[in-house]
Amino acid sequence: GTAMGGGCELALACDFRYIAKGGGRIGLPEVRVGILP
């Protein structure tokens, strides 16, 4: 499911990332407002 900000960064620290069928949202939304993750 949702993996935004710190959740996305946690996933990036892993060796493999698998997203469930049917999806999940993953991203770093803070960059849209000029904030570094």
PDB file of all heavy atoms in Angstrom:
ATOM      1  N   GLY A   1       0.837  -1.192   0.000  1.00  0.00           N
ATOM      2  CA  GLY A   1       0.000   0.000   0.000  1.00  0.00           C
ATOM      3  C   GLY A   1       0.868   1.236   0.000  1.00  0.00           C
ATOM      4  O   GLY A   1       2.004   1.215  -0.440  1.00  0.00           O
ATOM      5  N   THR A   2       0.351   2.308   0.544  1.00  0.00           N
ATOM      6  CA  THR A   2       1.022   3.597   0.532  1.00  0.00           C
ATOM      7  C   THR A   2       2.399   3.531   1.185  1.00  0.00           C
ATOM      8  O   THR A   2       2.557   3.022   2.289  1.00  0.00           O
ATOM      9  CB  THR A   2       0.165   4.640   1.275  1.00  0.00           C
ATOM     10  OG1 THR A   2      -1.097   4.731   0.621  1.00  0.00           O
ATOM     11  CG2 THR A   2       0.819   6.005   1.287  1.00  0.00           C
ATOM     12  N   ALA A   3       3.400   4.067   0.475  1.00  0.00           N
ATOM     13  CA  ALA A   3       4.774   4.165   0.979  1.00  0.00           C
ATOM     14  C   ALA A   3       5.311   5.519   0.538  1.00  0.00           C
ATOM     15  O   ALA A   3       5.959   5.645  -0.492  1.00  0.00           O
ATOM     16  CB  ALA A   3       5.634   3.032   0.437  1.00  0.00           C
ATOM     17  N   MET A   4       4.996   6.537   1.309  1.00  0.00           N
ATOM     18  CA  MET A   4       5.404   7.891   0.958  1.00  0.00           C
ATOM     19  C   MET A   4       6.463   8.395   1.930  1.00  0.00           C
ATOM     20  O   MET A   4       6.540   7.931   3.069  1.00  0.00           O
ATOM     21  CB  MET A   4       4.206   8.840   0.983  1.00  0.00           C
ATOM     22  CG  MET A   4       3.183   8.544  -0.073  1.00  0.00           C
ATOM     23  SD  MET A   4       3.913   8.899  -1.683  1.00  0.00           S
ATOM     24  CE  MET A   4       2.509   8.674  -2.722  1.00  0.00           C
ATOM     25  N   GLY A   5       7.258   9.359   1.488  1.00  0.00           N
ATOM     26  CA  GLY A   5       8.249   9.987   2.358  1.00  0.00           C
ATOM     27  C   GLY A   5       9.141   8.961   3.022  1.00  0.00           C
ATOM     28  O   GLY A   5       9.850   8.207   2.363  1.00  0.00           O
ATOM     29  N   GLY A   6       9.094   8.917   4.366  1.00  0.00           N
ATOM     30  CA  GLY A   6       9.910   7.976   5.128  1.00  0.00           C
ATOM     31  C   GLY A   6       9.614   6.521   4.790  1.00  0.00           C
ATOM     32  O   GLY A   6      10.490   5.665   4.874  1.00  0.00           O
ATOM     33  N   GLY A   7       8.381   6.221   4.407  1.00  0.00           N
ATOM     34  CA  GLY A   7       8.043   4.859   3.987  1.00  0.00           C
ATOM     35  C   GLY A   7       8.736   4.490   2.690  1.00  0.00           C
ATOM     36  O   GLY A   7       9.227   3.371   2.523  1.00  0.00           O
ATOM     37  N   CYS A   8       8.804   5.437   1.773  1.00  0.00           N
ATOM     38  CA  CYS A   8       9.519   5.223   0.516  1.00  0.00           C
ATOM     39  C   CYS A   8      11.013   5.057   0.803  1.00  0.00           C
ATOM     40  O   CYS A   8      11.659   4.159   0.263  1.00  0.00           O
ATOM     41  CB  CYS A   8       9.273   6.397  -0.432  1.00  0.00           C
ATOM     42  SG  CYS A   8      10.194   6.316  -1.983  1.00  0.00           S
ATOM     43  N   GLU A   9      11.558   5.910   1.670  1.00  0.00           N
ATOM     44  CA  GLU A   9      12.978   5.818   1.993  1.00  0.00           C
ATOM     45  C   GLU A   9      13.316   4.505   2.691  1.00  0.00           C
ATOM     46  O   GLU A   9      14.364   3.921   2.435  1.00  0.00           O
ATOM     47  CB  GLU A   9      13.397   7.015   2.853  1.00  0.00           C
ATOM     48  CG  GLU A   9      13.363   8.300   2.039  1.00  0.00           C
ATOM     49  CD  GLU A   9      13.770   9.512   2.831  1.00  0.00           C
ATOM     50  OE1 GLU A   9      13.121   9.811   3.854  1.00  0.00           O
ATOM     51  OE2 GLU A   9      14.750  10.145   2.423  1.00  0.00           O
ATOM     52  N   LEU A  10      12.417   4.012   3.530  1.00  0.00           N
ATOM     53  CA  LEU A  10      12.607   2.706   4.151  1.00  0.00           C
ATOM     54  C   LEU A  10      12.666   1.623   3.074  1.00  0.00           C
ATOM     55  O   LEU A  10      13.550   0.764   3.099  1.00  0.00           O
ATOM     56  CB  LEU A  10      11.476   2.425   5.144  1.00  0.00           C
ATOM     57  CG  LEU A  10      11.521   1.083   5.853  1.00  0.00           C
ATOM     58  CD1 LEU A  10      12.729   0.986   6.772  1.00  0.00           C
ATOM     59  CD2 LEU A  10      10.242   0.880   6.660  1.00  0.00           C
ATOM     60  N   ALA A  11      11.751   1.688   2.125  1.00  0.00           N
ATOM     61  CA  ALA A  11      11.749   0.715   1.031  1.00  0.00           C
ATOM     62  C   ALA A  11      13.030   0.814   0.195  1.00  0.00           C
ATOM     63  O   ALA A  11      13.591  -0.198  -0.225  1.00  0.00           O
ATOM     64  CB  ALA A  11      10.522   0.910   0.144  1.00  0.00           C
ATOM     65  N   LEU A  12      13.511   2.041  -0.027  1.00  0.00           N
ATOM     66  CA  LEU A  12      14.738   2.220  -0.810  1.00  0.00           C
ATOM     67  C   LEU A  12      15.956   1.632  -0.113  1.00  0.00           C
ATOM     68  O   LEU A  12      16.924   1.244  -0.773  1.00  0.00           O
ATOM     69  CB  LEU A  12      14.974   3.706  -1.097  1.00  0.00           C
ATOM     70  CG  LEU A  12      14.021   4.363  -2.092  1.00  0.00           C
ATOM     71  CD1 LEU A  12      14.263   5.869  -2.139  1.00  0.00           C
ATOM     72  CD2 LEU A  12      14.165   3.739  -3.470  1.00  0.00           C
ATOM     73  N   ALA A  13      15.929   1.542   1.219  1.00  0.00           N
ATOM     74  CA  ALA A  13      17.048   0.971   1.970  1.00  0.00           C
ATOM     75  C   ALA A  13      17.083  -0.547   1.860  1.00  0.00           C
ATOM     76  O   ALA A  13      18.076  -1.173   2.214  1.00  0.00           O
ATOM     77  CB  ALA A  13      16.969   1.386   3.433  1.00  0.00           C
ATOM     78  N   CYS A  14      16.008  -1.134   1.362  1.00  0.00           N
ATOM     79  CA  CYS A  14      15.935  -2.589   1.221  1.00  0.00           C
ATOM     80  C   CYS A  14      16.614  -3.026  -0.078  1.00  0.00           C
ATOM     81  O   CYS A  14      16.746  -2.248  -1.016  1.00  0.00           O
ATOM     82  CB  CYS A  14      14.471  -3.041   1.235  1.00  0.00           C
ATOM     83  SG  CYS A  14      13.624  -2.664   2.789  1.00  0.00           S
ATOM     84  N   ASP A  15      17.014  -4.289  -0.108  1.00  0.00           N
ATOM     85  CA  ASP A  15      17.669  -4.826  -1.299  1.00  0.00           C
ATOM     86  C   ASP A  15      16.690  -5.045  -2.451  1.00  0.00           C
ATOM     87  O   ASP A  15      17.057  -4.894  -3.616  1.00  0.00           O
ATOM     88  CB  ASP A  15      18.360  -6.156  -0.960  1.00  0.00           C
ATOM     89  CG  ASP A  15      19.447  -5.979   0.079  1.00  0.00           C
ATOM     90  OD1 ASP A  15      20.392  -5.195  -0.172  1.00  0.00           O
ATOM     91  OD2 ASP A  15      19.347  -6.602   1.155  1.00  0.00           O
ATOM     92  N   PHE A  16      15.473  -5.424  -2.111  1.00  0.00           N
ATOM     93  CA  PHE A  16      14.438  -5.687  -3.110  1.00  0.00           C
ATOM     94  C   PHE A  16      13.157  -5.000  -2.671  1.00  0.00           C
ATOM     95  O   PHE A  16      12.845  -4.944  -1.486  1.00  0.00           O
ATOM     96  CB  PHE A  16      14.164  -7.194  -3.256  1.00  0.00           C
ATOM     97  CG  PHE A  16      15.373  -7.984  -3.660  1.00  0.00           C
ATOM     98  CD1 PHE A  16      16.144  -8.626  -2.696  1.00  0.00           C
ATOM     99  CD2 PHE A  16      15.746  -8.076  -4.990  1.00  0.00           C
ATOM    100  CE1 PHE A  16      17.258  -9.349  -3.056  1.00  0.00           C
ATOM    101  CE2 PHE A  16      16.861  -8.797  -5.353  1.00  0.00           C
ATOM    102  CZ  PHE A  16      17.627  -9.438  -4.387  1.00  0.00           C
ATOM    103  N   ARG A  17      12.391  -4.518  -3.654  1.00  0.00           N
ATOM    104  CA  ARG A  17      11.113  -3.877  -3.391  1.00  0.00           C
ATOM    105  C   ARG A  17      10.065  -4.515  -4.305  1.00  0.00           C
ATOM    106  O   ARG A  17      10.225  -4.526  -5.522  1.00  0.00           O
ATOM    107  CB  ARG A  17      11.199  -2.370  -3.672  1.00  0.00           C
ATOM    108  CG  ARG A  17      12.046  -1.633  -2.649  1.00  0.00           C
ATOM    109  CD  ARG A  17      12.574  -0.308  -3.151  1.00  0.00           C
ATOM    110  NE  ARG A  17      13.587  -0.403  -4.189  1.00  0.00           N
ATOM    111  CZ  ARG A  17      14.870  -0.742  -3.971  1.00  0.00           C
ATOM    112  NH1 ARG A  17      15.277  -1.060  -2.771  1.00  0.00           N
ATOM    113  NH2 ARG A  17      15.726  -0.796  -4.961  1.00  0.00           N
ATOM    114  N   TYR A  18       9.021  -5.034  -3.696  1.00  0.00           N
ATOM    115  CA  TYR A  18       7.915  -5.623  -4.437  1.00  0.00           C
ATOM    116  C   TYR A  18       6.644  -4.911  -4.035  1.00  0.00           C
ATOM    117  O   TYR A  18       6.364  -4.768  -2.844  1.00  0.00           O
ATOM    118  CB  TYR A  18       7.786  -7.124  -4.143  1.00  0.00           C
ATOM    119  CG  TYR A  18       8.986  -7.913  -4.620  1.00  0.00           C
ATOM    120  CD1 TYR A  18      10.003  -8.249  -3.741  1.00  0.00           C
ATOM    121  CD2 TYR A  18       9.105  -8.299  -5.950  1.00  0.00           C
ATOM    122  CE1 TYR A  18      11.112  -8.959  -4.177  1.00  0.00           C
ATOM    123  CE2 TYR A  18      10.211  -9.002  -6.392  1.00  0.00           C
ATOM    124  CZ  TYR A  18      11.203  -9.326  -5.495  1.00  0.00           C
ATOM    125  OH  TYR A  18      12.305 -10.018  -5.926  1.00  0.00           O
ATOM    126  N   ILE A  19       5.878  -4.477  -5.025  1.00  0.00           N
ATOM    127  CA  ILE A  19       4.614  -3.807  -4.748  1.00  0.00           C
ATOM    128  C   ILE A  19       3.483  -4.787  -5.025  1.00  0.00           C
ATOM    129  O   ILE A  19       3.466  -5.451  -6.065  1.00  0.00           O
ATOM    130  CB  ILE A  19       4.458  -2.528  -5.598  1.00  0.00           C
ATOM    131  CG1 ILE A  19       5.553  -1.534  -5.221  1.00  0.00           C
ATOM    132  CG2 ILE A  19       3.085  -1.913  -5.400  1.00  0.00           C
ATOM    133  CD1 ILE A  19       5.526  -0.235  -5.991  1.00  0.00           C
ATOM    134  N   ALA A  20       2.544  -4.863  -4.089  1.00  0.00           N
ATOM    135  CA  ALA A  20       1.429  -5.798  -4.188  1.00  0.00           C
ATOM    136  C   ALA A  20       0.628  -5.564  -5.462  1.00  0.00           C
ATOM    137  O   ALA A  20       0.480  -4.424  -5.920  1.00  0.00           O
ATOM    138  CB  ALA A  20       0.522  -5.653  -2.975  1.00  0.00           C
ATOM    139  N   LYS A  21       0.127  -6.654  -6.016  1.00  0.00           N
ATOM    140  CA  LYS A  21      -0.746  -6.553  -7.174  1.00  0.00           C
ATOM    141  C   LYS A  21      -1.939  -5.681  -6.793  1.00  0.00           C
ATOM    142  O   LYS A  21      -2.483  -5.803  -5.707  1.00  0.00           O
ATOM    143  CB  LYS A  21      -1.225  -7.943  -7.580  1.00  0.00           C
ATOM    144  CG  LYS A  21      -1.959  -7.960  -8.873  1.00  0.00           C
ATOM    145  CD  LYS A  21      -2.269  -9.375  -9.303  1.00  0.00           C
ATOM    146  CE  LYS A  21      -2.931  -9.337 -10.653  1.00  0.00           C
ATOM    147  NZ  LYS A  21      -3.124 -10.674 -11.182  1.00  0.00           N
ATOM    148  N   GLY A  22      -2.316  -4.808  -7.667  1.00  0.00           N
ATOM    149  CA  GLY A  22      -3.369  -3.869  -7.335  1.00  0.00           C
ATOM    150  C   GLY A  22      -2.780  -2.566  -6.829  1.00  0.00           C
ATOM    151  O   GLY A  22      -3.468  -1.584  -6.647  1.00  0.00           O
ATOM    152  N   GLY A  23      -1.488  -2.619  -6.604  1.00  0.00           N
ATOM    153  CA  GLY A  23      -0.761  -1.391  -6.385  1.00  0.00           C
ATOM    154  C   GLY A  23      -0.585  -0.905  -4.970  1.00  0.00           C
ATOM    155  O   GLY A  23      -0.980  -1.505  -4.000  1.00  0.00           O
ATOM    156  N   GLY A  24       0.025   0.168  -4.979  1.00  0.00           N
ATOM    157  CA  GLY A  24       0.362   0.918  -3.803  1.00  0.00           C
ATOM    158  C   GLY A  24       0.976   2.189  -4.348  1.00  0.00           C
ATOM    159  O   GLY A  24       1.455   2.210  -5.479  1.00  0.00           O
ATOM    160  N   ARG A  25       0.926   3.212  -3.573  1.00  0.00           N
ATOM    161  CA  ARG A  25       1.552   4.463  -4.002  1.00  0.00           C
ATOM    162  C   ARG A  25       2.884   4.581  -3.309  1.00  0.00           C
ATOM    163  O   ARG A  25       2.981   4.366  -2.111  1.00  0.00           O
ATOM    164  CB  ARG A  25       0.652   5.634  -3.654  1.00  0.00           C
ATOM    165  CG  ARG A  25      -0.646   5.639  -4.426  1.00  0.00           C
ATOM    166  CD  ARG A  25      -1.536   6.772  -4.030  1.00  0.00           C
ATOM    167  NE  ARG A  25      -0.834   7.678  -3.119  1.00  0.00           N
ATOM    168  CZ  ARG A  25      -1.210   8.889  -2.809  1.00  0.00           C
ATOM    169  NH1 ARG A  25      -2.299   9.361  -3.308  1.00  0.00           N
ATOM    170  NH2 ARG A  25      -0.537   9.643  -1.973  1.00  0.00           N
ATOM    171  N   ILE A  26       3.901   4.922  -4.084  1.00  0.00           N
ATOM    172  CA  ILE A  26       5.228   5.070  -3.518  1.00  0.00           C
ATOM    173  C   ILE A  26       5.825   6.361  -4.065  1.00  0.00           C
ATOM    174  O   ILE A  26       5.652   6.674  -5.246  1.00  0.00           O
ATOM    175  CB  ILE A  26       6.127   3.850  -3.826  1.00  0.00           C
ATOM    176  CG1 ILE A  26       7.491   3.983  -3.138  1.00  0.00           C
ATOM    177  CG2 ILE A  26       6.264   3.602  -5.303  1.00  0.00           C
ATOM    178  CD1 ILE A  26       8.302   2.696  -3.130  1.00  0.00           C
ATOM    179  N   GLY A  27       6.466   7.137  -3.196  1.00  0.00           N
ATOM    180  CA  GLY A  27       7.059   8.370  -3.680  1.00  0.00           C
ATOM    181  C   GLY A  27       7.582   9.257  -2.574  1.00  0.00           C
ATOM    182  O   GLY A  27       7.484   8.947  -1.385  1.00  0.00           O
ATOM    183  N   LEU A  28       8.141  10.358  -3.001  1.00  0.00           N
ATOM    184  CA  LEU A  28       8.705  11.367  -2.107  1.00  0.00           C
ATOM    185  C   LEU A  28       7.984  12.686  -2.376  1.00  0.00           C
ATOM    186  O   LEU A  28       8.504  13.564  -3.068  1.00  0.00           O
ATOM    187  CB  LEU A  28      10.213  11.491  -2.346  1.00  0.00           C
ATOM    188  CG  LEU A  28      11.019  10.219  -2.082  1.00  0.00           C
ATOM    189  CD1 LEU A  28      12.414  10.324  -2.658  1.00  0.00           C
ATOM    190  CD2 LEU A  28      11.059   9.916  -0.595  1.00  0.00           C
ATOM    191  N   PRO A  29       6.767  12.853  -1.860  1.00  0.00           N
ATOM    192  CA  PRO A  29       5.964  14.035  -2.188  1.00  0.00           C
ATOM    193  C   PRO A  29       6.568  15.352  -1.710  1.00  0.00           C
ATOM    194  O   PRO A  29       6.246  16.410  -2.249  1.00  0.00           O
ATOM    195  CB  PRO A  29       4.623  13.766  -1.498  1.00  0.00           C
ATOM    196  CG  PRO A  29       4.928  12.794  -0.427  1.00  0.00           C
ATOM    197  CD  PRO A  29       6.078  11.968  -0.930  1.00  0.00           C
ATOM    198  N   GLU A  30       7.477  15.307  -0.749  1.00  0.00           N
ATOM    199  CA  GLU A  30       8.064  16.537  -0.224  1.00  0.00           C
ATOM    200  C   GLU A  30       8.854  17.306  -1.280  1.00  0.00           C
ATOM    201  O   GLU A  30       8.985  18.527  -1.202  1.00  0.00           O
ATOM    202  CB  GLU A  30       8.927  16.254   1.020  1.00  0.00           C
ATOM    203  CG  GLU A  30      10.019  15.238   0.840  1.00  0.00           C
ATOM    204  CD  GLU A  30       9.622  13.805   1.144  1.00  0.00           C
ATOM    205  OE1 GLU A  30       8.556  13.359   0.698  1.00  0.00           O
ATOM    206  OE2 GLU A  30      10.412  13.111   1.809  1.00  0.00           O
ATOM    207  N   VAL A  31       9.348  16.599  -2.296  1.00  0.00           N
ATOM    208  CA  VAL A  31      10.136  17.294  -3.327  1.00  0.00           C
ATOM    209  C   VAL A  31       9.271  18.237  -4.164  1.00  0.00           C
ATOM    210  O   VAL A  31       9.779  19.191  -4.738  1.00  0.00           O
ATOM    211  CB  VAL A  31      10.909  16.307  -4.234  1.00  0.00           C
ATOM    212  CG1 VAL A  31      11.867  15.456  -3.413  1.00  0.00           C
ATOM    213  CG2 VAL A  31       9.971  15.430  -5.048  1.00  0.00           C
ATOM    214  N   ARG A  32       7.970  18.003  -4.199  1.00  0.00           N
ATOM    215  CA  ARG A  32       7.069  18.891  -4.950  1.00  0.00           C
ATOM    216  C   ARG A  32       6.993  20.290  -4.373  1.00  0.00           C
ATOM    217  O   ARG A  32       6.622  21.225  -5.064  1.00  0.00           O
ATOM    218  CB  ARG A  32       5.658  18.303  -5.000  1.00  0.00           C
ATOM    219  CG  ARG A  32       5.558  17.068  -5.822  1.00  0.00           C
ATOM    220  CD  ARG A  32       4.115  16.664  -5.948  1.00  0.00           C
ATOM    221  NE  ARG A  32       4.049  15.243  -6.182  1.00  0.00           N
ATOM    222  CZ  ARG A  32       3.025  14.491  -5.902  1.00  0.00           C
ATOM    223  NH1 ARG A  32       1.948  15.021  -5.362  1.00  0.00           N
ATOM    224  NH2 ARG A  32       3.049  13.216  -6.156  1.00  0.00           N
ATOM    225  N   VAL A  33       7.322  20.412  -3.089  1.00  0.00           N
ATOM    226  CA  VAL A  33       7.287  21.723  -2.452  1.00  0.00           C
ATOM    227  C   VAL A  33       8.698  22.201  -2.089  1.00  0.00           C
ATOM    228  O   VAL A  33       8.875  23.086  -1.270  1.00  0.00           O
ATOM    229  CB  VAL A  33       6.360  21.739  -1.209  1.00  0.00           C
ATOM    230  CG1 VAL A  33       4.916  21.544  -1.620  1.00  0.00           C
ATOM    231  CG2 VAL A  33       6.788  20.696  -0.185  1.00  0.00           C
ATOM    232  N   GLY A  34       9.691  21.603  -2.708  1.00  0.00           N
ATOM    233  CA  GLY A  34      11.072  22.051  -2.536  1.00  0.00           C
ATOM    234  C   GLY A  34      11.747  21.616  -1.254  1.00  0.00           C
ATOM    235  O   GLY A  34      12.727  22.225  -0.837  1.00  0.00           O
ATOM    236  N   ILE A  35      11.248  20.565  -0.632  1.00  0.00           N
ATOM    237  CA  ILE A  35      11.861  20.054   0.597  1.00  0.00           C
ATOM    238  C   ILE A  35      12.648  18.789   0.252  1.00  0.00           C
ATOM    239  O   ILE A  35      12.124  17.884  -0.415  1.00  0.00           O
ATOM    240  CB  ILE A  35      10.791  19.731   1.664  1.00  0.00           C
ATOM    241  CG1 ILE A  35      10.007  21.000   2.020  1.00  0.00           C
ATOM    242  CG2 ILE A  35      11.431  19.121   2.912  1.00  0.00           C
ATOM    243  CD1 ILE A  35       8.813  20.732   2.910  1.00  0.00           C
ATOM    244  N   LEU A  36      13.873  18.710   0.729  1.00  0.00           N
ATOM    245  CA  LEU A  36      14.669  17.506   0.525  1.00  0.00           C
ATOM    246  C   LEU A  36      14.119  16.375   1.387  1.00  0.00           C
ATOM    247  O   LEU A  36      13.723  16.611   2.530  1.00  0.00           O
ATOM    248  CB  LEU A  36      16.136  17.740   0.906  1.00  0.00           C
ATOM    249  CG  LEU A  36      16.904  18.686  -0.004  1.00  0.00           C
ATOM    250  CD1 LEU A  36      18.289  18.935   0.576  1.00  0.00           C
ATOM    251  CD2 LEU A  36      17.020  18.123  -1.400  1.00  0.00           C
ATOM    252  N   PRO A  37      14.108  15.158   0.868  1.00  0.00           N
ATOM    253  CA  PRO A  37      13.691  14.027   1.700  1.00  0.00           C
ATOM    254  C   PRO A  37      14.571  13.927   2.942  1.00  0.00           C
ATOM    255  O   PRO A  37      15.794  14.116   2.863  1.00  0.00           O
ATOM    256  CB  PRO A  37      13.867  12.818   0.786  1.00  0.00           C
ATOM    257  CG  PRO A  37      13.773  13.395  -0.605  1.00  0.00           C
ATOM    258  CD  PRO A  37      14.391  14.768  -0.508  1.00  0.00           C
TER     259      PRO A  37
END
